[in-house]
Amino acid sequence: MAQRHFIVRRSRLGRFNFTLLTIAGRLTGSVTVPVEGRSAGEIKQHALDQIRALAEEFARVQDREGSSPGRRPAEPIEGRA
């Protein structure tokens, strides 16, 4: 069975679009991070941290409500940009 994971694409002006893929479906959204005075690496890391936090919370809710059949709780969520 495939793990939950997310895919990130950078848009413009500190906006990062993402898709979280789970066995129960997908969640698509975006986060915006401040870009002034930050390096590209810092901007990307800040966005990934925000997306990972959202993905982990979504996974917790799925596990608690049983909306992800056959899924074991507490597996790590993998992400790639």
C-alpha atoms as a PDB file:
ATOM      1  CA  MET A   1       0.000   0.000   0.000  1.00  0.00           C
ATOM      2  CA  ALA A   2       1.334   3.447  -0.891  1.00  0.00           C
ATOM      3  CA  GLN A   3       2.349   5.849   1.839  1.00  0.00           C
ATOM      4  CA  ARG A   4       0.729   9.223   2.220  1.00  0.00           C
ATOM      5  CA  HIS A   5       2.894  11.830   0.590  1.00  0.00           C
ATOM      6  CA  PHE A   6       2.776  15.335  -0.786  1.00  0.00           C
ATOM      7  CA  ILE A   7       4.043  17.078  -3.882  1.00  0.00           C
ATOM      8  CA  VAL A   8       5.039  20.754  -3.867  1.00  0.00           C
ATOM      9  CA  ARG A   9       5.383  23.223  -6.719  1.00  0.00           C
ATOM     10  CA  ARG A  10       6.613  26.757  -6.258  1.00  0.00           C
ATOM     11  CA  SER A  11       4.486  29.439  -7.806  1.00  0.00           C
ATOM     12  CA  ARG A  12       5.236  33.174  -7.527  1.00  0.00           C
ATOM     13  CA  LEU A  13       6.024  35.624  -4.758  1.00  0.00           C
ATOM     14  CA  GLY A  14       6.485  33.053  -2.012  1.00  0.00           C
ATOM     15  CA  ARG A  15       3.462  30.957  -2.890  1.00  0.00           C
ATOM     16  CA  PHE A  16       3.816  27.170  -2.900  1.00  0.00           C
ATOM     17  CA  ASN A  17       1.076  24.907  -4.256  1.00  0.00           C
ATOM     18  CA  PHE A  18       0.847  21.404  -2.862  1.00  0.00           C
ATOM     19  CA  THR A  19      -1.126  18.190  -3.208  1.00  0.00           C
ATOM     20  CA  LEU A  20      -1.364  15.676  -0.376  1.00  0.00           C
ATOM     21  CA  LEU A  21      -2.105  12.189  -1.705  1.00  0.00           C
ATOM     22  CA  THR A  22      -3.681   9.576   0.560  1.00  0.00           C
ATOM     23  CA  ILE A  23      -5.474   6.299   0.098  1.00  0.00           C
ATOM     24  CA  ALA A  24      -8.732   8.150   0.870  1.00  0.00           C
ATOM     25  CA  GLY A  25      -8.156  10.876  -1.733  1.00  0.00           C
ATOM     26  CA  ARG A  26      -6.205  14.061  -2.290  1.00  0.00           C
ATOM     27  CA  LEU A  27      -6.074  17.477  -0.698  1.00  0.00           C
ATOM     28  CA  THR A  28      -4.818  20.412  -2.771  1.00  0.00           C
ATOM     29  CA  GLY A  29      -3.897  23.825  -1.426  1.00  0.00           C
ATOM     30  CA  SER A  30      -1.244  26.485  -1.143  1.00  0.00           C
ATOM     31  CA  VAL A  31       0.813  28.289   1.471  1.00  0.00           C
ATOM     32  CA  THR A  32       2.395  31.705   1.214  1.00  0.00           C
ATOM     33  CA  VAL A  33       5.621  32.605   2.986  1.00  0.00           C
ATOM     34  CA  PRO A  34       7.358  35.973   3.347  1.00  0.00           C
ATOM     35  CA  VAL A  35      10.232  36.335   0.871  1.00  0.00           C
ATOM     36  CA  GLU A  36      11.867  39.639   1.810  1.00  0.00           C
ATOM     37  CA  GLY A  37      15.323  39.248   3.301  1.00  0.00           C
ATOM     38  CA  ARG A  38      15.360  35.450   2.935  1.00  0.00           C
ATOM     39  CA  SER A  39      17.422  33.185   0.738  1.00  0.00           C
ATOM     40  CA  ALA A  40      15.750  30.802  -1.708  1.00  0.00           C
ATOM     41  CA  GLY A  41      16.655  27.900   0.564  1.00  0.00           C
ATOM     42  CA  GLU A  42      15.088  29.554   3.624  1.00  0.00           C
ATOM     43  CA  ILE A  43      11.919  30.350   1.682  1.00  0.00           C
ATOM     44  CA  LYS A  44      11.586  26.789   0.440  1.00  0.00           C
ATOM     45  CA  GLN A  45      12.276  25.287   3.877  1.00  0.00           C
ATOM     46  CA  HIS A  46       9.697  27.542   5.547  1.00  0.00           C
ATOM     47  CA  ALA A  47       7.075  26.522   2.975  1.00  0.00           C
ATOM     48  CA  LEU A  48       7.897  22.818   3.346  1.00  0.00           C
ATOM     49  CA  ASP A  49       7.632  23.101   7.128  1.00  0.00           C
ATOM     50  CA  GLN A  50       4.175  24.677   6.820  1.00  0.00           C
ATOM     51  CA  ILE A  51       2.989  22.088   4.296  1.00  0.00           C
ATOM     52  CA  ARG A  52       4.331  19.196   6.363  1.00  0.00           C
ATOM     53  CA  ALA A  53       2.486  20.533   9.447  1.00  0.00           C
ATOM     54  CA  LEU A  54      -0.768  20.753   7.462  1.00  0.00           C
ATOM     55  CA  ALA A  55      -0.259  17.255   6.032  1.00  0.00           C
ATOM     56  CA  GLU A  56       0.445  15.763   9.461  1.00  0.00           C
ATOM     57  CA  GLU A  57      -2.667  17.366  10.950  1.00  0.00           C
ATOM     58  CA  PHE A  58      -4.781  16.100   8.041  1.00  0.00           C
ATOM     59  CA  ALA A  59      -3.327  12.602   8.564  1.00  0.00           C
ATOM     60  CA  ARG A  60      -4.113  12.727  12.302  1.00  0.00           C
ATOM     61  CA  VAL A  61      -7.728  13.606  11.566  1.00  0.00           C
ATOM     62  CA  GLN A  62      -7.997  10.811   8.990  1.00  0.00           C
ATOM     63  CA  ASP A  63      -6.554   8.302  11.443  1.00  0.00           C
ATOM     64  CA  ARG A  64      -8.801   9.473  14.281  1.00  0.00           C
ATOM     65  CA  GLU A  65     -11.942   9.360  12.155  1.00  0.00           C
ATOM     66  CA  GLY A  66     -11.024   6.158  10.359  1.00  0.00           C
ATOM     67  CA  SER A  67     -11.336   7.737   6.928  1.00  0.00           C
ATOM     68  CA  SER A  68      -8.251   6.008   5.586  1.00  0.00           C
ATOM     69  CA  PRO A  69      -9.120   2.285   5.399  1.00  0.00           C
ATOM     70  CA  GLY A  70      -6.264  -0.146   5.860  1.00  0.00           C
ATOM     71  CA  ARG A  71      -3.837   2.586   6.931  1.00  0.00           C
ATOM     72  CA  ARG A  72      -1.677   2.194   9.992  1.00  0.00           C
ATOM     73  CA  PRO A  73      -1.472   5.337  12.153  1.00  0.00           C
ATOM     74  CA  ALA A  74       1.742   7.264  12.782  1.00  0.00           C
ATOM     75  CA  GLU A  75       3.596   6.492   9.543  1.00  0.00           C
ATOM     76  CA  PRO A  76       5.793   9.377   8.411  1.00  0.00           C
ATOM     77  CA  ILE A  77       4.574  11.579   5.591  1.00  0.00           C
ATOM     78  CA  GLU A  78       7.027  11.902   2.749  1.00  0.00           C
ATOM     79  CA  GLY A  79       7.297  15.100   0.721  1.00  0.00           C
ATOM     80  CA  ARG A  80       9.107  16.209  -2.381  1.00  0.00           C
ATOM     81  CA  ALA A  81       9.473  19.476  -4.165  1.00  0.00           C
END
